[in-house]
C-alpha atoms as a PDB file:
ATOM      1  CA  UNK A   1      20.133 -10.845 -45.465  1.00  0.00           C
ATOM      2  CA  UNK A   2      18.480  -7.754 -46.937  1.00  0.00           C
ATOM      3  CA  UNK A   3      14.992  -8.816 -45.834  1.00  0.00           C
ATOM      4  CA  UNK A   4      16.266 -10.009 -42.472  1.00  0.00           C
ATOM      5  CA  UNK A   5      17.259  -6.496 -41.359  1.00  0.00           C
ATOM      6  CA  UNK A   6      14.458  -4.615 -43.046  1.00  0.00           C
ATOM      7  CA  UNK A   7      11.731  -5.228 -40.463  1.00  0.00           C
ATOM      8  CA  UNK A   8      13.815  -4.487 -37.347  1.00  0.00           C
ATOM      9  CA  UNK A   9      15.057  -1.183 -38.864  1.00  0.00           C
ATOM     10  CA  UNK A  10      11.535  -0.158 -39.837  1.00  0.00           C
ATOM     11  CA  UNK A  11      10.247  -1.120 -36.400  1.00  0.00           C
ATOM     12  CA  UNK A  12      13.027   0.884 -34.770  1.00  0.00           C
ATOM     13  CA  UNK A  13      12.177   3.936 -36.902  1.00  0.00           C
ATOM     14  CA  UNK A  14       8.514   3.726 -35.938  1.00  0.00           C
ATOM     15  CA  UNK A  15       9.448   3.419 -32.282  1.00  0.00           C
ATOM     16  CA  UNK A  16      11.689   6.498 -32.483  1.00  0.00           C
ATOM     17  CA  UNK A  17       9.022   8.572 -34.242  1.00  0.00           C
ATOM     18  CA  UNK A  18       6.384   7.453 -31.744  1.00  0.00           C
ATOM     19  CA  UNK A  19       8.689   8.278 -28.869  1.00  0.00           C
ATOM     20  CA  UNK A  20       9.379  11.770 -30.234  1.00  0.00           C
ATOM     21  CA  UNK A  21       5.681  12.403 -30.880  1.00  0.00           C
ATOM     22  CA  UNK A  22       4.762  11.179 -27.414  1.00  0.00           C
ATOM     23  CA  UNK A  23       7.376  13.419 -25.836  1.00  0.00           C
ATOM     24  CA  UNK A  24       6.077  16.451 -27.745  1.00  0.00           C
ATOM     25  CA  UNK A  25       2.523  15.717 -26.668  1.00  0.00           C
ATOM     26  CA  UNK A  26       3.605  15.485 -23.029  1.00  0.00           C
ATOM     27  CA  UNK A  27       4.261  19.203 -22.900  1.00  0.00           C
ATOM     28  CA  UNK A  28       1.208  21.217 -21.891  1.00  0.00           C
ATOM     29  CA  UNK A  29       0.043  24.459 -23.445  1.00  0.00           C
ATOM     30  CA  UNK A  30      -1.108  27.469 -21.448  1.00  0.00           C
ATOM     31  CA  UNK A  31      -3.237  30.472 -22.200  1.00  0.00           C
ATOM     32  CA  UNK A  32      -2.611  33.544 -20.085  1.00  0.00           C
ATOM     33  CA  UNK A  33      -5.644  35.825 -20.356  1.00  0.00           C
ATOM     34  CA  UNK A  34      -5.359  39.306 -18.919  1.00  0.00           C
ATOM     35  CA  UNK A  35      -8.420  41.412 -18.219  1.00  0.00           C
ATOM     36  CA  UNK A  36      -7.812  45.157 -17.961  1.00  0.00           C
ATOM     37  CA  UNK A  37     -10.440  46.848 -15.787  1.00  0.00           C
ATOM     38  CA  UNK A  38     -11.003  50.462 -14.753  1.00  0.00           C
ATOM     39  CA  UNK A  39     -13.305  50.393 -11.724  1.00  0.00           C
ATOM     40  CA  UNK A  40     -14.898  48.293  -8.968  1.00  0.00           C
ATOM     41  CA  UNK A  41     -17.998  47.522 -11.021  1.00  0.00           C
ATOM     42  CA  UNK A  42     -15.939  45.928 -13.783  1.00  0.00           C
ATOM     43  CA  UNK A  43     -13.851  44.013 -11.262  1.00  0.00           C
ATOM     44  CA  UNK A  44     -16.970  42.607  -9.594  1.00  0.00           C
ATOM     45  CA  UNK A  45     -18.510  41.619 -12.915  1.00  0.00           C
ATOM     46  CA  UNK A  46     -15.386  39.828 -14.142  1.00  0.00           C
ATOM     47  CA  UNK A  47     -14.877  38.120 -10.757  1.00  0.00           C
ATOM     48  CA  UNK A  48     -18.478  36.941 -10.695  1.00  0.00           C
ATOM     49  CA  UNK A  49     -18.242  35.577 -14.236  1.00  0.00           C
ATOM     50  CA  UNK A  50     -14.958  33.790 -13.651  1.00  0.00           C
ATOM     51  CA  UNK A  51     -15.974  32.280 -10.317  1.00  0.00           C
ATOM     52  CA  UNK A  52     -19.531  31.208 -11.102  1.00  0.00           C
ATOM     53  CA  UNK A  53     -19.550  30.615 -14.862  1.00  0.00           C
ATOM     54  CA  UNK A  54     -16.167  30.383 -16.593  1.00  0.00           C
ATOM     55  CA  UNK A  55     -14.107  28.246 -14.202  1.00  0.00           C
ATOM     56  CA  UNK A  56     -16.965  25.791 -13.514  1.00  0.00           C
ATOM     57  CA  UNK A  57     -17.442  25.405 -17.286  1.00  0.00           C
ATOM     58  CA  UNK A  58     -13.745  24.669 -17.781  1.00  0.00           C
ATOM     59  CA  UNK A  59     -13.887  22.042 -15.059  1.00  0.00           C
ATOM     60  CA  UNK A  60     -16.837  20.354 -16.775  1.00  0.00           C
ATOM     61  CA  UNK A  61     -14.592  20.086 -19.838  1.00  0.00           C
ATOM     62  CA  UNK A  62     -11.794  18.586 -17.749  1.00  0.00           C
ATOM     63  CA  UNK A  63      -9.634  21.722 -18.004  1.00  0.00           C
ATOM     64  CA  UNK A  64      -7.965  22.311 -14.639  1.00  0.00           C
ATOM     65  CA  UNK A  65      -6.415  23.604 -12.458  1.00  0.00           C
ATOM     66  CA  UNK A  66      -7.102  27.208 -13.434  1.00  0.00           C
ATOM     67  CA  UNK A  67      -5.320  30.034 -11.635  1.00  0.00           C
ATOM     68  CA  UNK A  68      -6.769  33.523 -11.224  1.00  0.00           C
ATOM     69  CA  UNK A  69      -4.517  36.282  -9.936  1.00  0.00           C
ATOM     70  CA  UNK A  70      -4.525  39.993  -9.138  1.00  0.00           C
ATOM     71  CA  UNK A  71      -1.781  42.559  -8.637  1.00  0.00           C
ATOM     72  CA  UNK A  72      -0.480  42.738  -5.077  1.00  0.00           C
ATOM     73  CA  UNK A  73      -1.278  46.029  -3.302  1.00  0.00           C
ATOM     74  CA  UNK A  74       1.402  48.601  -4.055  1.00  0.00           C
ATOM     75  CA  UNK A  75       1.124  52.381  -3.780  1.00  0.00           C
ATOM     76  CA  UNK A  76       3.263  52.737  -6.908  1.00  0.00           C
ATOM     77  CA  UNK A  77       1.165  50.440  -9.131  1.00  0.00           C
ATOM     78  CA  UNK A  78      -2.445  50.456 -10.282  1.00  0.00           C
ATOM     79  CA  UNK A  79      -4.196  47.148  -9.618  1.00  0.00           C
ATOM     80  CA  UNK A  80      -6.144  47.170 -12.876  1.00  0.00           C
ATOM     81  CA  UNK A  81      -5.453  43.633 -14.102  1.00  0.00           C
ATOM     82  CA  UNK A  82      -6.946  40.174 -13.543  1.00  0.00           C
ATOM     83  CA  UNK A  83      -4.810  37.290 -14.825  1.00  0.00           C
ATOM     84  CA  UNK A  84      -6.247  33.884 -15.736  1.00  0.00           C
ATOM     85  CA  UNK A  85      -3.863  30.969 -16.382  1.00  0.00           C
ATOM     86  CA  UNK A  86      -5.476  28.040 -18.216  1.00  0.00           C
ATOM     87  CA  UNK A  87      -3.715  24.704 -18.922  1.00  0.00           C
ATOM     88  CA  UNK A  88      -4.414  22.645 -22.051  1.00  0.00           C
ATOM     89  CA  UNK A  89      -3.276  19.139 -22.881  1.00  0.00           C
ATOM     90  CA  UNK A  90      -3.132  19.978 -26.590  1.00  0.00           C
ATOM     91  CA  UNK A  91      -3.676  22.771 -29.088  1.00  0.00           C
ATOM     92  CA  UNK A  92      -6.832  20.968 -30.211  1.00  0.00           C
ATOM     93  CA  UNK A  93      -8.273  21.356 -26.707  1.00  0.00           C
ATOM     94  CA  UNK A  94      -7.437  25.069 -26.793  1.00  0.00           C
ATOM     95  CA  UNK A  95      -8.988  25.432 -30.252  1.00  0.00           C
ATOM     96  CA  UNK A  96     -12.373  23.977 -29.294  1.00  0.00           C
ATOM     97  CA  UNK A  97     -12.777  25.887 -26.020  1.00  0.00           C
ATOM     98  CA  UNK A  98     -14.829  28.829 -27.278  1.00  0.00           C
ATOM     99  CA  UNK A  99     -17.196  26.662 -29.323  1.00  0.00           C
ATOM    100  CA  UNK A 100     -17.849  24.464 -26.298  1.00  0.00           C
ATOM    101  CA  UNK A 101     -18.489  27.459 -24.050  1.00  0.00           C
ATOM    102  CA  UNK A 102     -20.995  28.780 -26.603  1.00  0.00           C
ATOM    103  CA  UNK A 103     -23.230  25.712 -26.236  1.00  0.00           C
ATOM    104  CA  UNK A 104     -22.812  25.155 -22.488  1.00  0.00           C
ATOM    105  CA  UNK A 105     -26.248  26.156 -21.169  1.00  0.00           C
ATOM    106  CA  UNK A 106     -25.115  26.288 -17.548  1.00  0.00           C
ATOM    107  CA  UNK A 107     -22.256  28.597 -18.498  1.00  0.00           C
ATOM    108  CA  UNK A 108     -24.548  30.833 -20.540  1.00  0.00           C
ATOM    109  CA  UNK A 109     -27.046  31.077 -17.714  1.00  0.00           C
ATOM    110  CA  UNK A 110     -24.550  31.638 -14.870  1.00  0.00           C
ATOM    111  CA  UNK A 111     -22.580  34.165 -16.914  1.00  0.00           C
ATOM    112  CA  UNK A 112     -25.532  35.998 -18.445  1.00  0.00           C
ATOM    113  CA  UNK A 113     -24.734  39.405 -16.922  1.00  0.00           C
ATOM    114  CA  UNK A 114     -21.196  39.313 -18.299  1.00  0.00           C
ATOM    115  CA  UNK A 115     -22.000  37.634 -21.617  1.00  0.00           C
ATOM    116  CA  UNK A 116     -24.917  39.935 -22.429  1.00  0.00           C
ATOM    117  CA  UNK A 117     -23.359  43.152 -21.114  1.00  0.00           C
ATOM    118  CA  UNK A 118     -24.136  46.284 -23.147  1.00  0.00           C
ATOM    119  CA  UNK A 119     -21.566  48.645 -24.650  1.00  0.00           C
ATOM    120  CA  UNK A 120     -22.156  51.268 -21.960  1.00  0.00           C
ATOM    121  CA  UNK A 121     -21.798  48.744 -19.129  1.00  0.00           C
ATOM    122  CA  UNK A 122     -18.972  46.600 -20.455  1.00  0.00           C
ATOM    123  CA  UNK A 123     -17.269  44.305 -17.901  1.00  0.00           C
ATOM    124  CA  UNK A 124     -13.685  45.161 -18.924  1.00  0.00           C
ATOM    125  CA  UNK A 125     -11.659  47.565 -21.029  1.00  0.00           C
ATOM    126  CA  UNK A 126      -9.754  44.920 -22.966  1.00  0.00           C
ATOM    127  CA  UNK A 127      -8.659  41.273 -22.913  1.00  0.00           C
ATOM    128  CA  UNK A 128      -5.182  40.229 -24.034  1.00  0.00           C
ATOM    129  CA  UNK A 129      -4.094  36.634 -24.556  1.00  0.00           C
ATOM    130  CA  UNK A 130      -0.730  34.867 -24.691  1.00  0.00           C
ATOM    131  CA  UNK A 131      -0.263  31.246 -25.764  1.00  0.00           C
ATOM    132  CA  UNK A 132       2.607  29.270 -24.227  1.00  0.00           C
ATOM    133  CA  UNK A 133       4.180  25.802 -24.483  1.00  0.00           C
ATOM    134  CA  UNK A 134       5.755  24.175 -21.423  1.00  0.00           C
ATOM    135  CA  UNK A 135       9.512  23.666 -21.134  1.00  0.00           C
ATOM    136  CA  UNK A 136      10.941  20.126 -21.452  1.00  0.00           C
ATOM    137  CA  UNK A 137      12.265  20.229 -17.869  1.00  0.00           C
ATOM    138  CA  UNK A 138       8.767  20.971 -16.529  1.00  0.00           C
ATOM    139  CA  UNK A 139       6.258  19.658 -19.086  1.00  0.00           C
ATOM    140  CA  UNK A 140       3.325  19.699 -16.660  1.00  0.00           C
ATOM    141  CA  UNK A 141       1.957  22.473 -14.473  1.00  0.00           C
ATOM    142  CA  UNK A 142       2.405  22.121 -10.711  1.00  0.00           C
ATOM    143  CA  UNK A 143      -0.289  23.957  -8.731  1.00  0.00           C
ATOM    144  CA  UNK A 144       1.418  25.840  -5.921  1.00  0.00           C
ATOM    145  CA  UNK A 145       1.474  24.237  -2.482  1.00  0.00           C
ATOM    146  CA  UNK A 146       2.288  27.423  -0.578  1.00  0.00           C
ATOM    147  CA  UNK A 147      -0.074  28.138   2.312  1.00  0.00           C
ATOM    148  CA  UNK A 148      -1.216  31.076   4.399  1.00  0.00           C
ATOM    149  CA  UNK A 149      -3.628  33.900   3.613  1.00  0.00           C
ATOM    150  CA  UNK A 150      -3.994  34.273  -0.117  1.00  0.00           C
ATOM    151  CA  UNK A 151      -3.628  38.033  -0.030  1.00  0.00           C
ATOM    152  CA  UNK A 152      -0.206  37.590   1.632  1.00  0.00           C
ATOM    153  CA  UNK A 153       1.082  35.074  -0.896  1.00  0.00           C
ATOM    154  CA  UNK A 154       3.373  36.136  -3.711  1.00  0.00           C
ATOM    155  CA  UNK A 155       2.910  34.602  -7.149  1.00  0.00           C
ATOM    156  CA  UNK A 156       5.764  36.015  -9.199  1.00  0.00           C
ATOM    157  CA  UNK A 157       5.165  35.994 -12.938  1.00  0.00           C
ATOM    158  CA  UNK A 158       8.242  36.799 -15.013  1.00  0.00           C
ATOM    159  CA  UNK A 159       8.611  37.494 -18.710  1.00  0.00           C
ATOM    160  CA  UNK A 160      12.062  37.450 -20.322  1.00  0.00           C
ATOM    161  CA  UNK A 161      12.474  38.804 -23.851  1.00  0.00           C
ATOM    162  CA  UNK A 162      15.425  37.867 -26.034  1.00  0.00           C
ATOM    163  CA  UNK A 163      17.229  40.250 -28.410  1.00  0.00           C
ATOM    164  CA  UNK A 164      17.153  37.653 -31.235  1.00  0.00           C
ATOM    165  CA  UNK A 165      15.727  34.173 -31.717  1.00  0.00           C
ATOM    166  CA  UNK A 166      19.191  32.609 -31.457  1.00  0.00           C
ATOM    167  CA  UNK A 167      20.068  34.364 -28.200  1.00  0.00           C
ATOM    168  CA  UNK A 168      16.590  33.649 -26.833  1.00  0.00           C
ATOM    169  CA  UNK A 169      17.088  29.931 -27.544  1.00  0.00           C
ATOM    170  CA  UNK A 170      20.302  30.036 -25.524  1.00  0.00           C
ATOM    171  CA  UNK A 171      18.374  31.474 -22.569  1.00  0.00           C
ATOM    172  CA  UNK A 172      15.856  28.648 -22.876  1.00  0.00           C
ATOM    173  CA  UNK A 173      18.789  26.232 -22.902  1.00  0.00           C
ATOM    174  CA  UNK A 174      20.036  27.860 -19.690  1.00  0.00           C
ATOM    175  CA  UNK A 175      16.739  27.027 -17.984  1.00  0.00           C
ATOM    176  CA  UNK A 176      16.657  23.432 -19.202  1.00  0.00           C
ATOM    177  CA  UNK A 177      20.030  21.902 -20.069  1.00  0.00           C
ATOM    178  CA  UNK A 178      21.866  24.595 -18.110  1.00  0.00           C
ATOM    179  CA  UNK A 179      20.124  23.656 -14.872  1.00  0.00           C
ATOM    180  CA  UNK A 180      18.270  26.854 -13.945  1.00  0.00           C
ATOM    181  CA  UNK A 181      14.932  25.027 -13.555  1.00  0.00           C
ATOM    182  CA  UNK A 182      16.641  22.435 -11.376  1.00  0.00           C
ATOM    183  CA  UNK A 183      18.168  25.196  -9.251  1.00  0.00           C
ATOM    184  CA  UNK A 184      14.782  26.826  -8.647  1.00  0.00           C
ATOM    185  CA  UNK A 185      13.397  23.441  -7.644  1.00  0.00           C
ATOM    186  CA  UNK A 186      16.241  22.673  -5.241  1.00  0.00           C
ATOM    187  CA  UNK A 187      15.803  26.008  -3.449  1.00  0.00           C
ATOM    188  CA  UNK A 188      12.038  25.620  -3.024  1.00  0.00           C
ATOM    189  CA  UNK A 189      10.694  28.283  -5.369  1.00  0.00           C
ATOM    190  CA  UNK A 190       7.457  26.278  -5.885  1.00  0.00           C
ATOM    191  CA  UNK A 191       7.266  26.973  -9.615  1.00  0.00           C
ATOM    192  CA  UNK A 192       3.881  26.635 -11.310  1.00  0.00           C
ATOM    193  CA  UNK A 193       5.219  26.554 -14.876  1.00  0.00           C
ATOM    194  CA  UNK A 194       8.058  27.484 -17.235  1.00  0.00           C
ATOM    195  CA  UNK A 195       7.153  28.007 -20.884  1.00  0.00           C
ATOM    196  CA  UNK A 196       7.969  29.420 -24.301  1.00  0.00           C
ATOM    197  CA  UNK A 197       5.601  32.075 -25.600  1.00  0.00           C
ATOM    198  CA  UNK A 198       4.507  30.719 -28.982  1.00  0.00           C
ATOM    199  CA  UNK A 199       2.049  33.537 -29.710  1.00  0.00           C
ATOM    200  CA  UNK A 200       2.278  36.964 -28.124  1.00  0.00           C
ATOM    201  CA  UNK A 201       3.272  40.582 -28.684  1.00  0.00           C
ATOM    202  CA  UNK A 202       6.745  40.491 -27.090  1.00  0.00           C
ATOM    203  CA  UNK A 203       8.406  37.609 -28.890  1.00  0.00           C
ATOM    204  CA  UNK A 204      10.807  35.956 -28.629  1.00  0.00           C
ATOM    205  CA  UNK A 205      10.137  35.516 -24.938  1.00  0.00           C
ATOM    206  CA  UNK A 206       9.605  33.021 -22.171  1.00  0.00           C
ATOM    207  CA  UNK A 207       7.471  33.218 -19.047  1.00  0.00           C
ATOM    208  CA  UNK A 208       7.452  31.420 -15.723  1.00  0.00           C
ATOM    209  CA  UNK A 209       5.745  31.647 -12.345  1.00  0.00           C
ATOM    210  CA  UNK A 210       7.224  30.963  -8.896  1.00  0.00           C
ATOM    211  CA  UNK A 211       5.298  31.178  -5.617  1.00  0.00           C
ATOM    212  CA  UNK A 212       6.016  32.144  -2.030  1.00  0.00           C
ATOM    213  CA  UNK A 213       4.175  32.302   1.282  1.00  0.00           C
ATOM    214  CA  UNK A 214       4.918  36.024   1.622  1.00  0.00           C
ATOM    215  CA  UNK A 215       7.276  38.787   0.478  1.00  0.00           C
ATOM    216  CA  UNK A 216       9.830  37.999   3.182  1.00  0.00           C
ATOM    217  CA  UNK A 217      10.128  34.416   1.954  1.00  0.00           C
ATOM    218  CA  UNK A 218      10.313  35.588  -1.638  1.00  0.00           C
ATOM    219  CA  UNK A 219      13.130  38.043  -0.954  1.00  0.00           C
ATOM    220  CA  UNK A 220      15.091  35.476   1.085  1.00  0.00           C
ATOM    221  CA  UNK A 221      14.884  32.825  -1.639  1.00  0.00           C
ATOM    222  CA  UNK A 222      15.990  35.198  -4.377  1.00  0.00           C
ATOM    223  CA  UNK A 223      18.972  36.102  -2.199  1.00  0.00           C
ATOM    224  CA  UNK A 224      19.769  32.390  -1.886  1.00  0.00           C
ATOM    225  CA  UNK A 225      19.428  32.017  -5.652  1.00  0.00           C
ATOM    226  CA  UNK A 226      21.853  34.828  -6.419  1.00  0.00           C
ATOM    227  CA  UNK A 227      24.469  33.537  -3.974  1.00  0.00           C
ATOM    228  CA  UNK A 228      24.203  29.848  -4.942  1.00  0.00           C
ATOM    229  CA  UNK A 229      27.219  28.065  -6.415  1.00  0.00           C
ATOM    230  CA  UNK A 230      25.128  26.752  -9.315  1.00  0.00           C
ATOM    231  CA  UNK A 231      23.989  30.239 -10.359  1.00  0.00           C
ATOM    232  CA  UNK A 232      27.525  31.584 -10.103  1.00  0.00           C
ATOM    233  CA  UNK A 233      28.635  28.710 -12.334  1.00  0.00           C
ATOM    234  CA  UNK A 234      26.062  29.010 -15.114  1.00  0.00           C
ATOM    235  CA  UNK A 235      25.673  32.801 -15.100  1.00  0.00           C
ATOM    236  CA  UNK A 236      29.224  33.344 -16.362  1.00  0.00           C
ATOM    237  CA  UNK A 237      29.097  30.839 -19.236  1.00  0.00           C
ATOM    238  CA  UNK A 238      29.768  32.708 -22.491  1.00  0.00           C
ATOM    239  CA  UNK A 239      26.807  31.389 -24.471  1.00  0.00           C
ATOM    240  CA  UNK A 240      24.368  32.589 -21.798  1.00  0.00           C
ATOM    241  CA  UNK A 241      25.577  36.189 -21.822  1.00  0.00           C
ATOM    242  CA  UNK A 242      23.250  38.991 -23.046  1.00  0.00           C
ATOM    243  CA  UNK A 243      20.391  36.591 -23.725  1.00  0.00           C
ATOM    244  CA  UNK A 244      17.727  38.746 -22.023  1.00  0.00           C
ATOM    245  CA  UNK A 245      17.025  42.166 -23.538  1.00  0.00           C
ATOM    246  CA  UNK A 246      14.069  43.034 -21.297  1.00  0.00           C
ATOM    247  CA  UNK A 247      12.388  41.541 -18.229  1.00  0.00           C
ATOM    248  CA  UNK A 248       8.950  42.200 -16.755  1.00  0.00           C
ATOM    249  CA  UNK A 249       8.175  41.135 -13.186  1.00  0.00           C
ATOM    250  CA  UNK A 250       4.587  40.912 -11.951  1.00  0.00           C
ATOM    251  CA  UNK A 251       3.956  40.329  -8.242  1.00  0.00           C
ATOM    252  CA  UNK A 252       0.504  38.790  -7.875  1.00  0.00           C
ATOM    253  CA  UNK A 253      -1.700  37.004  -5.367  1.00  0.00           C
ATOM    254  CA  UNK A 254      -4.357  34.321  -5.967  1.00  0.00           C
ATOM    255  CA  UNK A 255      -8.052  35.185  -5.690  1.00  0.00           C
ATOM    256  CA  UNK A 256     -10.187  33.234  -3.234  1.00  0.00           C
ATOM    257  CA  UNK A 257     -11.737  31.249  -6.079  1.00  0.00           C
ATOM    258  CA  UNK A 258      -8.432  30.455  -7.821  1.00  0.00           C
ATOM    259  CA  UNK A 259      -7.656  26.729  -7.908  1.00  0.00           C
ATOM    260  CA  UNK A 260      -4.286  27.299  -6.215  1.00  0.00           C
END
């Protein structure tokens, strides 16, 4: 009897481990690169590099779709940032990116002005990078399907910081098991991604991006969100209280060469 049950139990264990590993691998990773620029010359140089060298090189590696965004015009904010959102199927793919770019002759040639820039004509002031892992309820990126002039579109990038790891994890639970992701989907927020930040300077925190045809549509949908029965239900649950200590909201639009 002992040998009779041994193989099925071992097989079951292997199946469970394989299933868990497969599920973990399903979730994409994202790098959010932010270029800080100070003038038109830097903006043009970064745009030219991204459009004609960097994004084409990523596509040759099978890394796509890549989003490139800028700050929406606002008299109260300086539009000194260019955001690049890059999806990866694994951390190994992320790890080998720079070494592959370094030997891509087409990339080196098309991006020569940027790559070989001198210290007194640098293309940017600084680059920052955040590494993220997709949420279980949205393990794959969904390029936005919103239409209309790109400059009119609103790509809302949000960052929620938690006061502690435990309270942050409860906020993540609110998005997944609590049904917040599902609520966004049902209302038509056209989310691109929801993800944990696994390496960044504001941890613990999560980030997500929703998209709208224009500001009017954005404002109307957020009003619908706040008045929905589902939000009223989950927002008063005790374990979800005080789980966000700080929130940053970035209102962006996609460049003409962005993939979505």
